[in-house]
Amino acid sequence: KHEASLKQADKERLAEDLRLIYVALTRAVYGCFIG
């Protein structure tokens, strides 16, 4: 669990989260409410 390795793994986690947020934001027909 070297710091550089954890940082790279978290970067990939963020990339996956960005793909998911695109899915979430494009599901609404009339309105999308974000907390």
PDB file of all heavy atoms in Angstrom:
ATOM      1  N   LYS A   1       0.828  -1.211   0.000  1.00  0.00           N
ATOM      2  CA  LYS A   1       0.000   0.000   0.000  1.00  0.00           C
ATOM      3  C   LYS A   1       0.865   1.266   0.000  1.00  0.00           C
ATOM      4  O   LYS A   1       0.685   2.184   0.799  1.00  0.00           O
ATOM      5  CB  LYS A   1      -0.954   0.011   1.191  1.00  0.00           C
ATOM      6  CG  LYS A   1      -2.008  -1.088   1.127  1.00  0.00           C
ATOM      7  CD  LYS A   1      -3.051  -0.934   2.230  1.00  0.00           C
ATOM      8  CE  LYS A   1      -4.132  -1.988   2.087  1.00  0.00           C
ATOM      9  NZ  LYS A   1      -5.186  -1.849   3.112  1.00  0.00           N
ATOM     10  N   HIS A   2       1.798   1.283  -0.923  1.00  0.00           N
ATOM     11  CA  HIS A   2       2.642   2.466  -1.081  1.00  0.00           C
ATOM     12  C   HIS A   2       1.774   3.663  -1.466  1.00  0.00           C
ATOM     13  O   HIS A   2       0.763   3.527  -2.151  1.00  0.00           O
ATOM     14  CB  HIS A   2       3.703   2.195  -2.154  1.00  0.00           C
ATOM     15  CG  HIS A   2       4.777   3.225  -2.213  1.00  0.00           C
ATOM     16  ND1 HIS A   2       4.673   4.363  -2.994  1.00  0.00           N
ATOM     17  CD2 HIS A   2       5.985   3.304  -1.589  1.00  0.00           C
ATOM     18  CE1 HIS A   2       5.764   5.092  -2.855  1.00  0.00           C
ATOM     19  NE2 HIS A   2       6.578   4.473  -2.008  1.00  0.00           N
ATOM     20  N   GLU A   3       2.158   4.819  -1.012  1.00  0.00           N
ATOM     21  CA  GLU A   3       1.349   6.023  -1.226  1.00  0.00           C
ATOM     22  C   GLU A   3       1.082   6.281  -2.702  1.00  0.00           C
ATOM     23  O   GLU A   3      -0.047   6.620  -3.096  1.00  0.00           O
ATOM     24  CB  GLU A   3       2.049   7.239  -0.601  1.00  0.00           C
ATOM     25  CG  GLU A   3       1.223   8.522  -0.718  1.00  0.00           C
ATOM     26  CD  GLU A   3       1.924   9.710  -0.072  1.00  0.00           C
ATOM     27  OE1 GLU A   3       2.974   9.502   0.582  1.00  0.00           O
ATOM     28  OE2 GLU A   3       1.418  10.835  -0.234  1.00  0.00           O
ATOM     29  N   ALA A   4       2.083   6.082  -3.535  1.00  0.00           N
ATOM     30  CA  ALA A   4       1.910   6.322  -4.970  1.00  0.00           C
ATOM     31  C   ALA A   4       0.925   5.333  -5.572  1.00  0.00           C
ATOM     32  O   ALA A   4       0.109   5.681  -6.449  1.00  0.00           O
ATOM     33  CB  ALA A   4       3.260   6.219  -5.680  1.00  0.00           C
ATOM     34  N   SER A   5       0.969   4.085  -5.084  1.00  0.00           N
ATOM     35  CA  SER A   5       0.041   3.065  -5.586  1.00  0.00           C
ATOM     36  C   SER A   5      -1.386   3.378  -5.179  1.00  0.00           C
ATOM     37  O   SER A   5      -2.326   3.251  -5.976  1.00  0.00           O
ATOM     38  CB  SER A   5       0.452   1.684  -5.053  1.00  0.00           C
ATOM     39  OG  SER A   5       1.759   1.346  -5.472  1.00  0.00           O
ATOM     40  N   LEU A   6      -1.586   3.784  -3.925  1.00  0.00           N
ATOM     41  CA  LEU A   6      -2.919   4.152  -3.460  1.00  0.00           C
ATOM     42  C   LEU A   6      -3.457   5.360  -4.231  1.00  0.00           C
ATOM     43  O   LEU A   6      -4.652   5.427  -4.554  1.00  0.00           O
ATOM     44  CB  LEU A   6      -2.896   4.458  -1.961  1.00  0.00           C
ATOM     45  CG  LEU A   6      -2.880   3.255  -1.016  1.00  0.00           C
ATOM     46  CD1 LEU A   6      -2.642   3.706   0.420  1.00  0.00           C
ATOM     47  CD2 LEU A   6      -4.188   2.468  -1.111  1.00  0.00           C
ATOM     48  N   LYS A   7      -2.570   6.284  -4.539  1.00  0.00           N
ATOM     49  CA  LYS A   7      -2.991   7.471  -5.277  1.00  0.00           C
ATOM     50  C   LYS A   7      -3.441   7.100  -6.685  1.00  0.00           C
ATOM     51  O   LYS A   7      -4.450   7.621  -7.190  1.00  0.00           O
ATOM     52  CB  LYS A   7      -1.824   8.464  -5.344  1.00  0.00           C
ATOM     53  CG  LYS A   7      -2.200   9.814  -5.935  1.00  0.00           C
ATOM     54  CD  LYS A   7      -1.037  10.789  -5.854  1.00  0.00           C
ATOM     55  CE  LYS A   7      -1.414  12.155  -6.438  1.00  0.00           C
ATOM     56  NZ  LYS A   7      -0.301  13.117  -6.367  1.00  0.00           N
ATOM     57  N   GLN A   8      -2.716   6.182  -7.317  1.00  0.00           N
ATOM     58  CA  GLN A   8      -3.096   5.741  -8.659  1.00  0.00           C
ATOM     59  C   GLN A   8      -4.417   4.964  -8.631  1.00  0.00           C
ATOM     60  O   GLN A   8      -5.270   5.129  -9.510  1.00  0.00           O
ATOM     61  CB  GLN A   8      -1.984   4.862  -9.259  1.00  0.00           C
ATOM     62  CG  GLN A   8      -2.263   4.337 -10.655  1.00  0.00           C
ATOM     63  CD  GLN A   8      -2.411   5.452 -11.685  1.00  0.00           C
ATOM     64  OE1 GLN A   8      -1.846   6.539 -11.510  1.00  0.00           O
ATOM     65  NE2 GLN A   8      -3.169   5.197 -12.738  1.00  0.00           N
ATOM     66  N   ALA A   9      -4.588   4.135  -7.605  1.00  0.00           N
ATOM     67  CA  ALA A   9      -5.829   3.369  -7.473  1.00  0.00           C
ATOM     68  C   ALA A   9      -7.016   4.307  -7.266  1.00  0.00           C
ATOM     69  O   ALA A   9      -8.096   4.094  -7.822  1.00  0.00           O
ATOM     70  CB  ALA A   9      -5.719   2.384  -6.311  1.00  0.00           C
ATOM     71  N   ASP A  10      -6.807   5.368  -6.474  1.00  0.00           N
ATOM     72  CA  ASP A  10      -7.898   6.311  -6.231  1.00  0.00           C
ATOM     73  C   ASP A  10      -8.208   7.124  -7.486  1.00  0.00           C
ATOM     74  O   ASP A  10      -9.350   7.523  -7.714  1.00  0.00           O
ATOM     75  CB  ASP A  10      -7.541   7.245  -5.080  1.00  0.00           C
ATOM     76  CG  ASP A  10      -8.744   7.992  -4.545  1.00  0.00           C
ATOM     77  OD1 ASP A  10      -9.676   7.324  -4.046  1.00  0.00           O
ATOM     78  OD2 ASP A  10      -8.774   9.230  -4.641  1.00  0.00           O
ATOM     79  N   LYS A  11      -7.191   7.346  -8.302  1.00  0.00           N
ATOM     80  CA  LYS A  11      -7.417   8.045  -9.564  1.00  0.00           C
ATOM     81  C   LYS A  11      -8.335   7.223 -10.470  1.00  0.00           C
ATOM     82  O   LYS A  11      -9.226   7.764 -11.133  1.00  0.00           O
ATOM     83  CB  LYS A  11      -6.070   8.305 -10.254  1.00  0.00           C
ATOM     84  CG  LYS A  11      -6.175   9.094 -11.552  1.00  0.00           C
ATOM     85  CD  LYS A  11      -4.794   9.332 -12.155  1.00  0.00           C
ATOM     86  CE  LYS A  11      -4.894  10.083 -13.470  1.00  0.00           C
ATOM     87  NZ  LYS A  11      -3.561  10.311 -14.093  1.00  0.00           N
ATOM     88  N   GLU A  12      -8.124   5.908 -10.476  1.00  0.00           N
ATOM     89  CA  GLU A  12      -8.988   5.028 -11.271  1.00  0.00           C
ATOM     90  C   GLU A  12     -10.387   4.966 -10.671  1.00  0.00           C
ATOM     91  O   GLU A  12     -11.385   4.880 -11.394  1.00  0.00           O
ATOM     92  CB  GLU A  12      -8.373   3.631 -11.369  1.00  0.00           C
ATOM     93  CG  GLU A  12      -7.080   3.600 -12.145  1.00  0.00           C
ATOM     94  CD  GLU A  12      -6.541   2.195 -12.356  1.00  0.00           C
ATOM     95  OE1 GLU A  12      -7.225   1.226 -11.948  1.00  0.00           O
ATOM     96  OE2 GLU A  12      -5.446   2.059 -12.928  1.00  0.00           O
ATOM     97  N   ARG A  13     -10.468   5.022  -9.334  1.00  0.00           N
ATOM     98  CA  ARG A  13     -11.782   5.055  -8.682  1.00  0.00           C
ATOM     99  C   ARG A  13     -12.557   6.292  -9.103  1.00  0.00           C
ATOM    100  O   ARG A  13     -13.753   6.233  -9.415  1.00  0.00           O
ATOM    101  CB  ARG A  13     -11.578   5.027  -7.159  1.00  0.00           C
ATOM    102  CG  ARG A  13     -12.862   4.940  -6.323  1.00  0.00           C
ATOM    103  CD  ARG A  13     -13.477   6.292  -6.003  1.00  0.00           C
ATOM    104  NE  ARG A  13     -12.509   7.252  -5.477  1.00  0.00           N
ATOM    105  CZ  ARG A  13     -12.758   8.550  -5.366  1.00  0.00           C
ATOM    106  NH1 ARG A  13     -13.920   9.058  -5.760  1.00  0.00           N
ATOM    107  NH2 ARG A  13     -11.815   9.373  -4.898  1.00  0.00           N
ATOM    108  N   LEU A  14     -11.880   7.436  -9.142  1.00  0.00           N
ATOM    109  CA  LEU A  14     -12.516   8.686  -9.547  1.00  0.00           C
ATOM    110  C   LEU A  14     -12.980   8.610 -10.999  1.00  0.00           C
ATOM    111  O   LEU A  14     -14.067   9.101 -11.338  1.00  0.00           O
ATOM    112  CB  LEU A  14     -11.552   9.852  -9.350  1.00  0.00           C
ATOM    113  CG  LEU A  14     -12.052  11.226  -9.794  1.00  0.00           C
ATOM    114  CD1 LEU A  14     -13.328  11.607  -9.039  1.00  0.00           C
ATOM    115  CD2 LEU A  14     -10.971  12.291  -9.591  1.00  0.00           C
ATOM    116  N   ALA A  15     -12.179   7.988 -11.857  1.00  0.00           N
ATOM    117  CA  ALA A  15     -12.564   7.852 -13.267  1.00  0.00           C
ATOM    118  C   ALA A  15     -13.856   7.046 -13.404  1.00  0.00           C
ATOM    119  O   ALA A  15     -14.743   7.399 -14.200  1.00  0.00           O
ATOM    120  CB  ALA A  15     -11.430   7.186 -14.052  1.00  0.00           C
ATOM    121  N   GLU A  16     -13.977   5.986 -12.613  1.00  0.00           N
ATOM    122  CA  GLU A  16     -15.201   5.184 -12.647  1.00  0.00           C
ATOM    123  C   GLU A  16     -16.380   5.980 -12.101  1.00  0.00           C
ATOM    124  O   GLU A  16     -17.497   5.918 -12.634  1.00  0.00           O
ATOM    125  CB  GLU A  16     -15.001   3.903 -11.824  1.00  0.00           C
ATOM    126  CG  GLU A  16     -16.248   3.043 -11.659  1.00  0.00           C
ATOM    127  CD  GLU A  16     -16.793   2.522 -12.982  1.00  0.00           C
ATOM    128  OE1 GLU A  16     -16.033   2.483 -13.979  1.00  0.00           O
ATOM    129  OE2 GLU A  16     -17.983   2.148 -13.013  1.00  0.00           O
ATOM    130  N   ASP A  17     -16.151   6.760 -11.035  1.00  0.00           N
ATOM    131  CA  ASP A  17     -17.213   7.590 -10.467  1.00  0.00           C
ATOM    132  C   ASP A  17     -17.689   8.641 -11.473  1.00  0.00           C
ATOM    133  O   ASP A  17     -18.876   8.979 -11.518  1.00  0.00           O
ATOM    134  CB  ASP A  17     -16.722   8.278  -9.192  1.00  0.00           C
ATOM    135  CG  ASP A  17     -16.601   7.304  -8.023  1.00  0.00           C
ATOM    136  OD1 ASP A  17     -17.007   6.137  -8.187  1.00  0.00           O
ATOM    137  OD2 ASP A  17     -16.088   7.710  -6.961  1.00  0.00           O
ATOM    138  N   LEU A  18     -16.766   9.172 -12.276  1.00  0.00           N
ATOM    139  CA  LEU A  18     -17.148  10.152 -13.295  1.00  0.00           C
ATOM    140  C   LEU A  18     -18.025   9.516 -14.369  1.00  0.00           C
ATOM    141  O   LEU A  18     -18.968  10.149 -14.870  1.00  0.00           O
ATOM    142  CB  LEU A  18     -15.887  10.768 -13.929  1.00  0.00           C
ATOM    143  CG  LEU A  18     -15.126  11.769 -13.055  1.00  0.00           C
ATOM    144  CD1 LEU A  18     -13.756  12.078 -13.660  1.00  0.00           C
ATOM    145  CD2 LEU A  18     -15.938  13.050 -12.881  1.00  0.00           C
ATOM    146  N   ARG A  19     -17.730   8.274 -14.721  1.00  0.00           N
ATOM    147  CA  ARG A  19     -18.586   7.582 -15.693  1.00  0.00           C
ATOM    148  C   ARG A  19     -19.985   7.371 -15.109  1.00  0.00           C
ATOM    149  O   ARG A  19     -20.992   7.521 -15.797  1.00  0.00           O
ATOM    150  CB  ARG A  19     -17.953   6.249 -16.090  1.00  0.00           C
ATOM    151  CG  ARG A  19     -16.764   6.388 -17.034  1.00  0.00           C
ATOM    152  CD  ARG A  19     -16.299   5.049 -17.554  1.00  0.00           C
ATOM    153  NE  ARG A  19     -15.604   4.281 -16.529  1.00  0.00           N
ATOM    154  CZ  ARG A  19     -14.291   4.340 -16.323  1.00  0.00           C
ATOM    155  NH1 ARG A  19     -13.543   5.138 -17.075  1.00  0.00           N
ATOM    156  NH2 ARG A  19     -13.719   3.616 -15.389  1.00  0.00           N
ATOM    157  N   LEU A  20     -20.036   7.025 -13.817  1.00  0.00           N
ATOM    158  CA  LEU A  20     -21.330   6.790 -13.167  1.00  0.00           C
ATOM    159  C   LEU A  20     -22.126   8.082 -13.011  1.00  0.00           C
ATOM    160  O   LEU A  20     -23.358   8.079 -13.160  1.00  0.00           O
ATOM    161  CB  LEU A  20     -21.125   6.140 -11.796  1.00  0.00           C
ATOM    162  CG  LEU A  20     -20.888   4.633 -11.789  1.00  0.00           C
ATOM    163  CD1 LEU A  20     -20.661   4.136 -10.376  1.00  0.00           C
ATOM    164  CD2 LEU A  20     -22.062   3.891 -12.413  1.00  0.00           C
ATOM    165  N   ILE A  21     -21.456   9.186 -12.708  1.00  0.00           N
ATOM    166  CA  ILE A  21     -22.193  10.446 -12.522  1.00  0.00           C
ATOM    167  C   ILE A  21     -22.788  10.895 -13.850  1.00  0.00           C
ATOM    168  O   ILE A  21     -23.868  11.504 -13.885  1.00  0.00           O
ATOM    169  CB  ILE A  21     -21.283  11.550 -11.925  1.00  0.00           C
ATOM    170  CG1 ILE A  21     -22.149  12.672 -11.323  1.00  0.00           C
ATOM    171  CG2 ILE A  21     -20.349  12.128 -12.949  1.00  0.00           C
ATOM    172  CD1 ILE A  21     -23.019  12.255 -10.188  1.00  0.00           C
ATOM    173  N   TYR A  22     -22.132  10.562 -14.943  1.00  0.00           N
ATOM    174  CA  TYR A  22     -22.713  10.868 -16.259  1.00  0.00           C
ATOM    175  C   TYR A  22     -24.011  10.089 -16.446  1.00  0.00           C
ATOM    176  O   TYR A  22     -25.024  10.633 -16.920  1.00  0.00           O
ATOM    177  CB  TYR A  22     -21.727  10.524 -17.378  1.00  0.00           C
ATOM    178  CG  TYR A  22     -22.343  10.601 -18.752  1.00  0.00           C
ATOM    179  CD1 TYR A  22     -22.523  11.836 -19.378  1.00  0.00           C
ATOM    180  CD2 TYR A  22     -22.769   9.456 -19.407  1.00  0.00           C
ATOM    181  CE1 TYR A  22     -23.114  11.920 -20.639  1.00  0.00           C
ATOM    182  CE2 TYR A  22     -23.365   9.522 -20.663  1.00  0.00           C
ATOM    183  CZ  TYR A  22     -23.532  10.752 -21.271  1.00  0.00           C
ATOM    184  OH  TYR A  22     -24.120  10.839 -22.504  1.00  0.00           O
ATOM    185  N   VAL A  23     -23.992   8.815 -16.057  1.00  0.00           N
ATOM    186  CA  VAL A  23     -25.210   8.001 -16.143  1.00  0.00           C
ATOM    187  C   VAL A  23     -26.314   8.612 -15.275  1.00  0.00           C
ATOM    188  O   VAL A  23     -27.456   8.768 -15.710  1.00  0.00           O
ATOM    189  CB  VAL A  23     -24.930   6.546 -15.698  1.00  0.00           C
ATOM    190  CG1 VAL A  23     -26.229   5.749 -15.586  1.00  0.00           C
ATOM    191  CG2 VAL A  23     -23.979   5.870 -16.669  1.00  0.00           C
ATOM    192  N   ALA A  24     -25.961   8.977 -14.036  1.00  0.00           N
ATOM    193  CA  ALA A  24     -26.960   9.495 -13.098  1.00  0.00           C
ATOM    194  C   ALA A  24     -27.581  10.797 -13.589  1.00  0.00           C
ATOM    195  O   ALA A  24     -28.797  11.001 -13.493  1.00  0.00           O
ATOM    196  CB  ALA A  24     -26.316   9.693 -11.725  1.00  0.00           C
ATOM    197  N   LEU A  25     -26.761  11.688 -14.118  1.00  0.00           N
ATOM    198  CA  LEU A  25     -27.241  13.017 -14.525  1.00  0.00           C
ATOM    199  C   LEU A  25     -28.077  12.987 -15.797  1.00  0.00           C
ATOM    200  O   LEU A  25     -28.769  13.954 -16.108  1.00  0.00           O
ATOM    201  CB  LEU A  25     -26.057  13.965 -14.711  1.00  0.00           C
ATOM    202  CG  LEU A  25     -25.280  14.345 -13.450  1.00  0.00           C
ATOM    203  CD1 LEU A  25     -24.016  15.113 -13.813  1.00  0.00           C
ATOM    204  CD2 LEU A  25     -26.153  15.164 -12.510  1.00  0.00           C
ATOM    205  N   THR A  26     -28.020  11.894 -16.534  1.00  0.00           N
ATOM    206  CA  THR A  26     -28.740  11.830 -17.819  1.00  0.00           C
ATOM    207  C   THR A  26     -29.944  10.902 -17.765  1.00  0.00           C
ATOM    208  O   THR A  26     -30.462  10.506 -18.804  1.00  0.00           O
ATOM    209  CB  THR A  26     -27.789  11.378 -18.944  1.00  0.00           C
ATOM    210  OG1 THR A  26     -27.174  10.130 -18.568  1.00  0.00           O
ATOM    211  CG2 THR A  26     -26.719  12.409 -19.204  1.00  0.00           C
ATOM    212  N   ARG A  27     -30.425  10.545 -16.573  1.00  0.00           N
ATOM    213  CA  ARG A  27     -31.590   9.663 -16.464  1.00  0.00           C
ATOM    214  C   ARG A  27     -32.901  10.427 -16.445  1.00  0.00           C
ATOM    215  O   ARG A  27     -33.966   9.861 -16.685  1.00  0.00           O
ATOM    216  CB  ARG A  27     -31.515   8.816 -15.185  1.00  0.00           C
ATOM    217  CG  ARG A  27     -30.364   7.836 -15.055  1.00  0.00           C
ATOM    218  CD  ARG A  27     -30.237   6.919 -16.251  1.00  0.00           C
ATOM    219  NE  ARG A  27     -29.292   7.464 -17.223  1.00  0.00           N
ATOM    220  CZ  ARG A  27     -29.261   7.120 -18.492  1.00  0.00           C
ATOM    221  NH1 ARG A  27     -30.148   6.271 -18.965  1.00  0.00           N
ATOM    222  NH2 ARG A  27     -28.370   7.646 -19.308  1.00  0.00           N
ATOM    223  N   ALA A  28     -32.867  11.738 -16.096  1.00  0.00           N
ATOM    224  CA  ALA A  28     -34.103  12.499 -15.891  1.00  0.00           C
ATOM    225  C   ALA A  28     -34.685  12.995 -17.213  1.00  0.00           C
ATOM    226  O   ALA A  28     -33.955  13.404 -18.120  1.00  0.00           O
ATOM    227  CB  ALA A  28     -33.837  13.680 -14.967  1.00  0.00           C
ATOM    228  N   VAL A  29     -36.022  12.970 -17.298  1.00  0.00           N
ATOM    229  CA  VAL A  29     -36.717  13.523 -18.458  1.00  0.00           C
ATOM    230  C   VAL A  29     -37.030  14.992 -18.233  1.00  0.00           C
ATOM    231  O   VAL A  29     -36.777  15.840 -19.093  1.00  0.00           O
ATOM    232  CB  VAL A  29     -38.012  12.736 -18.740  1.00  0.00           C
ATOM    233  CG1 VAL A  29     -38.767  13.352 -19.925  1.00  0.00           C
ATOM    234  CG2 VAL A  29     -37.706  11.269 -19.014  1.00  0.00           C
ATOM    235  N   TYR A  30     -37.572  15.330 -17.055  1.00  0.00           N
ATOM    236  CA  TYR A  30     -38.024  16.692 -16.793  1.00  0.00           C
ATOM    237  C   TYR A  30     -37.177  17.428 -15.755  1.00  0.00           C
ATOM    238  O   TYR A  30     -36.993  18.639 -15.866  1.00  0.00           O
ATOM    239  CB  TYR A  30     -39.481  16.675 -16.321  1.00  0.00           C
ATOM    240  CG  TYR A  30     -40.427  16.106 -17.336  1.00  0.00           C
ATOM    241  CD1 TYR A  30     -41.055  14.888 -17.118  1.00  0.00           C
ATOM    242  CD2 TYR A  30     -40.684  16.784 -18.525  1.00  0.00           C
ATOM    243  CE1 TYR A  30     -41.925  14.363 -18.058  1.00  0.00           C
ATOM    244  CE2 TYR A  30     -41.548  16.267 -19.474  1.00  0.00           C
ATOM    245  CZ  TYR A  30     -42.169  15.048 -19.234  1.00  0.00           C
ATOM    246  OH  TYR A  30     -43.024  14.524 -20.168  1.00  0.00           O
ATOM    247  N   GLY A  31     -36.689  16.750 -14.740  1.00  0.00           N
ATOM    248  CA  GLY A  31     -35.945  17.455 -13.714  1.00  0.00           C
ATOM    249  C   GLY A  31     -35.037  16.534 -12.926  1.00  0.00           C
ATOM    250  O   GLY A  31     -35.387  15.380 -12.644  1.00  0.00           O
ATOM    251  N   CYS A  32     -33.837  17.041 -12.590  1.00  0.00           N
ATOM    252  CA  CYS A  32     -32.861  16.276 -11.807  1.00  0.00           C
ATOM    253  C   CYS A  32     -32.478  17.112 -10.587  1.00  0.00           C
ATOM    254  O   CYS A  32     -32.027  18.253 -10.720  1.00  0.00           O
ATOM    255  CB  CYS A  32     -31.626  15.961 -12.648  1.00  0.00           C
ATOM    256  SG  CYS A  32     -30.380  14.992 -11.791  1.00  0.00           S
ATOM    257  N   PHE A  33     -32.671  16.542  -9.402  1.00  0.00           N
ATOM    258  CA  PHE A  33     -32.403  17.257  -8.148  1.00  0.00           C
ATOM    259  C   PHE A  33     -31.154  16.670  -7.497  1.00  0.00           C
ATOM    260  O   PHE A  33     -31.110  15.468  -7.194  1.00  0.00           O
ATOM    261  CB  PHE A  33     -33.603  17.128  -7.205  1.00  0.00           C
ATOM    262  CG  PHE A  33     -34.864  17.733  -7.768  1.00  0.00           C
ATOM    263  CD1 PHE A  33     -35.638  17.036  -8.684  1.00  0.00           C
ATOM    264  CD2 PHE A  33     -35.262  19.005  -7.389  1.00  0.00           C
ATOM    265  CE1 PHE A  33     -36.802  17.588  -9.209  1.00  0.00           C
ATOM    266  CE2 PHE A  33     -36.424  19.568  -7.911  1.00  0.00           C
ATOM    267  CZ  PHE A  33     -37.193  18.859  -8.826  1.00  0.00           C
ATOM    268  N   ILE A  34     -30.147  17.520  -7.268  1.00  0.00           N
ATOM    269  CA  ILE A  34     -28.855  17.067  -6.760  1.00  0.00           C
ATOM    270  C   ILE A  34     -28.655  17.607  -5.347  1.00  0.00           C
ATOM    271  O   ILE A  34     -28.744  18.816  -5.117  1.00  0.00           O
ATOM    272  CB  ILE A  34     -27.703  17.549  -7.666  1.00  0.00           C
ATOM    273  CG1 ILE A  34     -27.926  17.075  -9.108  1.00  0.00           C
ATOM    274  CG2 ILE A  34     -26.362  17.061  -7.143  1.00  0.00           C
ATOM    275  CD1 ILE A  34     -27.014  17.734 -10.108  1.00  0.00           C
ATOM    276  N   GLY A  35     -28.398  16.707  -4.421  1.00  0.00           N
ATOM    277  CA  GLY A  35     -28.096  17.129  -3.056  1.00  0.00           C
ATOM    278  C   GLY A  35     -26.632  17.506  -2.935  1.00  0.00           C
ATOM    279  O   GLY A  35     -25.751  16.717  -3.255  1.00  0.00           O
TER     280      GLY A  35
END
